[in-house]
């Protein structure tokens, strides 16, 4: 399963504005609320926040990856956004973030959930890719970059 198989242009937002970590997570949840794989948007919100309270999903290098394994979704859901201005996200490196992914998978898909988290981490591992993502003005270009970068990853 590739990231490009589970994301579409409808669930990518460029240059969103958020006042805080909480505001940003809520905006990402709103972005996917109408996703056909979301069975219960309220439960999804609760489960993403439950995970966030366990430990910040600010993974460093200006990237956040709020996520949940939850029965609120029937199949994987992925959203991506760039931020107009950096937001403090309690990241492990104490740096504010400007890129955010939201991932939700059914509880029964633990292995796939971990592999998708790993794919996202690999995608944003290089500074060059992160800089390209921040500077892109077209959603189609984001999808194309994801496709190009994923060519090197083994199928999961």
C-alpha atoms as a PDB file:
ATOM      1  CA  UNK A   1       0.000   0.000   0.000  1.00  0.00           C
ATOM      2  CA  UNK A   2       1.476   3.302  -1.128  1.00  0.00           C
ATOM      3  CA  UNK A   3       0.672   6.716   0.272  1.00  0.00           C
ATOM      4  CA  UNK A   4      -0.421   7.761  -3.197  1.00  0.00           C
ATOM      5  CA  UNK A   5      -2.988   4.948  -3.181  1.00  0.00           C
ATOM      6  CA  UNK A   6      -4.730   6.376  -0.126  1.00  0.00           C
ATOM      7  CA  UNK A   7      -4.462  10.142  -0.593  1.00  0.00           C
ATOM      8  CA  UNK A   8      -6.216  12.303  -3.134  1.00  0.00           C
ATOM      9  CA  UNK A   9      -6.141  15.979  -3.983  1.00  0.00           C
ATOM     10  CA  UNK A  10      -9.324  16.534  -1.950  1.00  0.00           C
ATOM     11  CA  UNK A  11      -7.416  15.726   1.262  1.00  0.00           C
ATOM     12  CA  UNK A  12      -4.423  17.988   0.649  1.00  0.00           C
ATOM     13  CA  UNK A  13      -4.421  21.602   1.779  1.00  0.00           C
ATOM     14  CA  UNK A  14      -1.728  24.160   1.017  1.00  0.00           C
ATOM     15  CA  UNK A  15      -0.901  27.173   3.151  1.00  0.00           C
ATOM     16  CA  UNK A  16      -3.441  26.612   5.897  1.00  0.00           C
ATOM     17  CA  UNK A  17      -3.423  28.908   8.886  1.00  0.00           C
ATOM     18  CA  UNK A  18      -3.522  27.558  12.413  1.00  0.00           C
ATOM     19  CA  UNK A  19      -3.230  29.418  15.712  1.00  0.00           C
ATOM     20  CA  UNK A  20      -2.041  26.409  17.706  1.00  0.00           C
ATOM     21  CA  UNK A  21      -1.396  22.672  17.715  1.00  0.00           C
ATOM     22  CA  UNK A  22      -4.994  22.056  18.725  1.00  0.00           C
ATOM     23  CA  UNK A  23      -6.344  24.311  16.001  1.00  0.00           C
ATOM     24  CA  UNK A  24      -4.174  22.549  13.436  1.00  0.00           C
ATOM     25  CA  UNK A  25      -5.246  19.041  14.462  1.00  0.00           C
ATOM     26  CA  UNK A  26      -8.887  20.131  14.377  1.00  0.00           C
ATOM     27  CA  UNK A  27      -8.418  21.589  10.875  1.00  0.00           C
ATOM     28  CA  UNK A  28      -6.839  18.335   9.687  1.00  0.00           C
ATOM     29  CA  UNK A  29      -9.747  16.363  11.165  1.00  0.00           C
ATOM     30  CA  UNK A  30     -12.206  18.706   9.424  1.00  0.00           C
ATOM     31  CA  UNK A  31     -10.357  18.095   6.153  1.00  0.00           C
ATOM     32  CA  UNK A  32     -11.090  14.344   6.353  1.00  0.00           C
ATOM     33  CA  UNK A  33     -14.508  14.499   8.076  1.00  0.00           C
ATOM     34  CA  UNK A  34     -16.354  13.829   4.804  1.00  0.00           C
ATOM     35  CA  UNK A  35     -13.896  11.136   3.632  1.00  0.00           C
ATOM     36  CA  UNK A  36     -15.841   8.024   2.551  1.00  0.00           C
ATOM     37  CA  UNK A  37     -13.687   5.838   4.847  1.00  0.00           C
ATOM     38  CA  UNK A  38     -14.575   7.900   7.938  1.00  0.00           C
ATOM     39  CA  UNK A  39     -17.497   6.166   9.649  1.00  0.00           C
ATOM     40  CA  UNK A  40     -17.514   8.314  12.809  1.00  0.00           C
ATOM     41  CA  UNK A  41     -15.786  11.717  12.701  1.00  0.00           C
ATOM     42  CA  UNK A  42     -16.364  12.317  16.434  1.00  0.00           C
ATOM     43  CA  UNK A  43     -14.715   9.046  17.437  1.00  0.00           C
ATOM     44  CA  UNK A  44     -11.859   9.727  15.011  1.00  0.00           C
ATOM     45  CA  UNK A  45     -11.290  13.091  16.717  1.00  0.00           C
ATOM     46  CA  UNK A  46     -11.349  11.457  20.156  1.00  0.00           C
ATOM     47  CA  UNK A  47      -8.889   8.742  19.102  1.00  0.00           C
ATOM     48  CA  UNK A  48      -6.457  11.139  17.420  1.00  0.00           C
ATOM     49  CA  UNK A  49      -6.476  13.333  20.546  1.00  0.00           C
ATOM     50  CA  UNK A  50      -6.095  10.299  22.823  1.00  0.00           C
ATOM     51  CA  UNK A  51      -2.950   9.321  20.889  1.00  0.00           C
ATOM     52  CA  UNK A  52      -1.663  12.894  20.926  1.00  0.00           C
ATOM     53  CA  UNK A  53      -2.021  13.094  24.706  1.00  0.00           C
ATOM     54  CA  UNK A  54       0.111   9.961  25.109  1.00  0.00           C
ATOM     55  CA  UNK A  55       3.028  11.638  23.318  1.00  0.00           C
ATOM     56  CA  UNK A  56       3.343  14.452  20.801  1.00  0.00           C
ATOM     57  CA  UNK A  57       3.311  13.382  17.182  1.00  0.00           C
ATOM     58  CA  UNK A  58       5.618  16.234  16.264  1.00  0.00           C
ATOM     59  CA  UNK A  59       8.282  13.950  14.768  1.00  0.00           C
ATOM     60  CA  UNK A  60      10.915  16.622  14.258  1.00  0.00           C
ATOM     61  CA  UNK A  61      12.377  18.387  11.230  1.00  0.00           C
ATOM     62  CA  UNK A  62       9.294  20.646  11.079  1.00  0.00           C
ATOM     63  CA  UNK A  63       6.892  17.707  10.517  1.00  0.00           C
ATOM     64  CA  UNK A  64       3.886  16.535  12.547  1.00  0.00           C
ATOM     65  CA  UNK A  65       2.126  13.220  12.064  1.00  0.00           C
ATOM     66  CA  UNK A  66      -1.024  13.009  14.189  1.00  0.00           C
ATOM     67  CA  UNK A  67      -2.448   9.516  13.822  1.00  0.00           C
ATOM     68  CA  UNK A  68      -4.706   6.853  15.279  1.00  0.00           C
ATOM     69  CA  UNK A  69      -5.617   3.215  15.001  1.00  0.00           C
ATOM     70  CA  UNK A  70      -9.373   3.429  15.273  1.00  0.00           C
ATOM     71  CA  UNK A  71     -12.642   1.775  14.425  1.00  0.00           C
ATOM     72  CA  UNK A  72     -13.857   5.228  13.349  1.00  0.00           C
ATOM     73  CA  UNK A  73     -12.465   4.461   9.873  1.00  0.00           C
ATOM     74  CA  UNK A  74     -13.242   1.525   7.588  1.00  0.00           C
ATOM     75  CA  UNK A  75      -9.993   1.762   5.594  1.00  0.00           C
ATOM     76  CA  UNK A  76      -6.879   3.952   5.772  1.00  0.00           C
ATOM     77  CA  UNK A  77      -7.386   7.715   5.644  1.00  0.00           C
ATOM     78  CA  UNK A  78      -4.538  10.122   4.891  1.00  0.00           C
ATOM     79  CA  UNK A  79      -4.442  13.908   4.675  1.00  0.00           C
ATOM     80  CA  UNK A  80      -1.547  16.312   4.170  1.00  0.00           C
ATOM     81  CA  UNK A  81      -1.140  20.052   4.613  1.00  0.00           C
ATOM     82  CA  UNK A  82       1.460  22.759   4.452  1.00  0.00           C
ATOM     83  CA  UNK A  83       1.193  25.696   6.842  1.00  0.00           C
ATOM     84  CA  UNK A  84       1.268  29.383   5.995  1.00  0.00           C
ATOM     85  CA  UNK A  85       3.142  30.037   9.252  1.00  0.00           C
ATOM     86  CA  UNK A  86       4.965  27.564  11.484  1.00  0.00           C
ATOM     87  CA  UNK A  87       3.128  26.303  14.574  1.00  0.00           C
ATOM     88  CA  UNK A  88       4.515  25.052  17.865  1.00  0.00           C
ATOM     89  CA  UNK A  89       3.611  21.344  18.039  1.00  0.00           C
ATOM     90  CA  UNK A  90       5.596  20.176  21.084  1.00  0.00           C
ATOM     91  CA  UNK A  91       7.887  18.362  18.647  1.00  0.00           C
ATOM     92  CA  UNK A  92      10.640  16.053  19.831  1.00  0.00           C
ATOM     93  CA  UNK A  93      13.254  18.515  18.533  1.00  0.00           C
ATOM     94  CA  UNK A  94      11.385  21.524  20.017  1.00  0.00           C
ATOM     95  CA  UNK A  95      11.115  23.088  16.530  1.00  0.00           C
ATOM     96  CA  UNK A  96       7.813  24.451  15.184  1.00  0.00           C
ATOM     97  CA  UNK A  97       6.251  22.576  12.262  1.00  0.00           C
ATOM     98  CA  UNK A  98       5.183  23.572   8.752  1.00  0.00           C
ATOM     99  CA  UNK A  99       4.186  20.161   7.316  1.00  0.00           C
ATOM    100  CA  UNK A 100       1.489  17.902   8.739  1.00  0.00           C
ATOM    101  CA  UNK A 101       0.131  14.488   7.834  1.00  0.00           C
ATOM    102  CA  UNK A 102      -2.964  12.966   9.442  1.00  0.00           C
ATOM    103  CA  UNK A 103      -3.209   9.167   9.278  1.00  0.00           C
ATOM    104  CA  UNK A 104      -6.005   6.942  10.554  1.00  0.00           C
ATOM    105  CA  UNK A 105      -6.279   3.203  10.018  1.00  0.00           C
ATOM    106  CA  UNK A 106      -8.681   0.578  11.322  1.00  0.00           C
ATOM    107  CA  UNK A 107      -7.560  -1.053  14.574  1.00  0.00           C
ATOM    108  CA  UNK A 108      -7.265  -4.372  12.748  1.00  0.00           C
ATOM    109  CA  UNK A 109      -4.566  -2.952  10.445  1.00  0.00           C
ATOM    110  CA  UNK A 110      -1.753  -2.570  13.001  1.00  0.00           C
ATOM    111  CA  UNK A 111       1.012  -3.780  10.666  1.00  0.00           C
ATOM    112  CA  UNK A 112      -0.166  -1.589   7.787  1.00  0.00           C
ATOM    113  CA  UNK A 113      -0.519   1.376  10.183  1.00  0.00           C
ATOM    114  CA  UNK A 114       3.109   1.040  11.262  1.00  0.00           C
ATOM    115  CA  UNK A 115       4.290   0.617   7.673  1.00  0.00           C
ATOM    116  CA  UNK A 116       2.371   3.705   6.542  1.00  0.00           C
ATOM    117  CA  UNK A 117       3.876   5.732   9.408  1.00  0.00           C
ATOM    118  CA  UNK A 118       7.274   4.491   8.281  1.00  0.00           C
ATOM    119  CA  UNK A 119       6.588   5.468   4.650  1.00  0.00           C
ATOM    120  CA  UNK A 120       5.616   8.969   5.689  1.00  0.00           C
ATOM    121  CA  UNK A 121       8.737   9.270   7.839  1.00  0.00           C
ATOM    122  CA  UNK A 122      10.902   8.123   4.925  1.00  0.00           C
ATOM    123  CA  UNK A 123       9.171  10.516   2.546  1.00  0.00           C
ATOM    124  CA  UNK A 124      10.048  13.538   4.689  1.00  0.00           C
ATOM    125  CA  UNK A 125      13.459  12.299   5.839  1.00  0.00           C
ATOM    126  CA  UNK A 126      15.440  14.504   3.476  1.00  0.00           C
ATOM    127  CA  UNK A 127      15.606  18.262   3.758  1.00  0.00           C
ATOM    128  CA  UNK A 128      15.293  18.609  -0.020  1.00  0.00           C
ATOM    129  CA  UNK A 129      11.897  16.881  -0.065  1.00  0.00           C
ATOM    130  CA  UNK A 130      10.621  18.902   2.898  1.00  0.00           C
ATOM    131  CA  UNK A 131      11.730  22.147   1.220  1.00  0.00           C
ATOM    132  CA  UNK A 132       9.993  21.155  -2.018  1.00  0.00           C
ATOM    133  CA  UNK A 133       6.766  20.333  -0.167  1.00  0.00           C
ATOM    134  CA  UNK A 134       6.762  23.679   1.654  1.00  0.00           C
ATOM    135  CA  UNK A 135       7.394  25.640  -1.548  1.00  0.00           C
ATOM    136  CA  UNK A 136       4.889  23.895  -3.834  1.00  0.00           C
ATOM    137  CA  UNK A 137       1.870  25.927  -4.898  1.00  0.00           C
ATOM    138  CA  UNK A 138      -0.067  23.195  -6.724  1.00  0.00           C
ATOM    139  CA  UNK A 139      -1.654  20.147  -5.119  1.00  0.00           C
ATOM    140  CA  UNK A 140      -0.988  18.094  -8.257  1.00  0.00           C
ATOM    141  CA  UNK A 141       2.728  18.774  -7.771  1.00  0.00           C
ATOM    142  CA  UNK A 142       2.534  17.388  -4.220  1.00  0.00           C
ATOM    143  CA  UNK A 143       0.957  14.147  -5.484  1.00  0.00           C
ATOM    144  CA  UNK A 144       3.602  13.920  -8.209  1.00  0.00           C
ATOM    145  CA  UNK A 145       6.401  14.373  -5.661  1.00  0.00           C
ATOM    146  CA  UNK A 146       4.880  11.665  -3.438  1.00  0.00           C
ATOM    147  CA  UNK A 147       4.744   9.319  -6.456  1.00  0.00           C
ATOM    148  CA  UNK A 148       8.337  10.079  -7.436  1.00  0.00           C
ATOM    149  CA  UNK A 149       9.685   9.579  -3.928  1.00  0.00           C
ATOM    150  CA  UNK A 150       7.728   6.363  -3.372  1.00  0.00           C
ATOM    151  CA  UNK A 151       9.241   4.703  -6.439  1.00  0.00           C
ATOM    152  CA  UNK A 152      12.278   3.827  -4.311  1.00  0.00           C
ATOM    153  CA  UNK A 153      10.262   2.267  -1.484  1.00  0.00           C
ATOM    154  CA  UNK A 154       9.354  -1.416  -1.359  1.00  0.00           C
ATOM    155  CA  UNK A 155       5.651  -2.225  -1.652  1.00  0.00           C
ATOM    156  CA  UNK A 156       3.841  -2.906   1.611  1.00  0.00           C
END
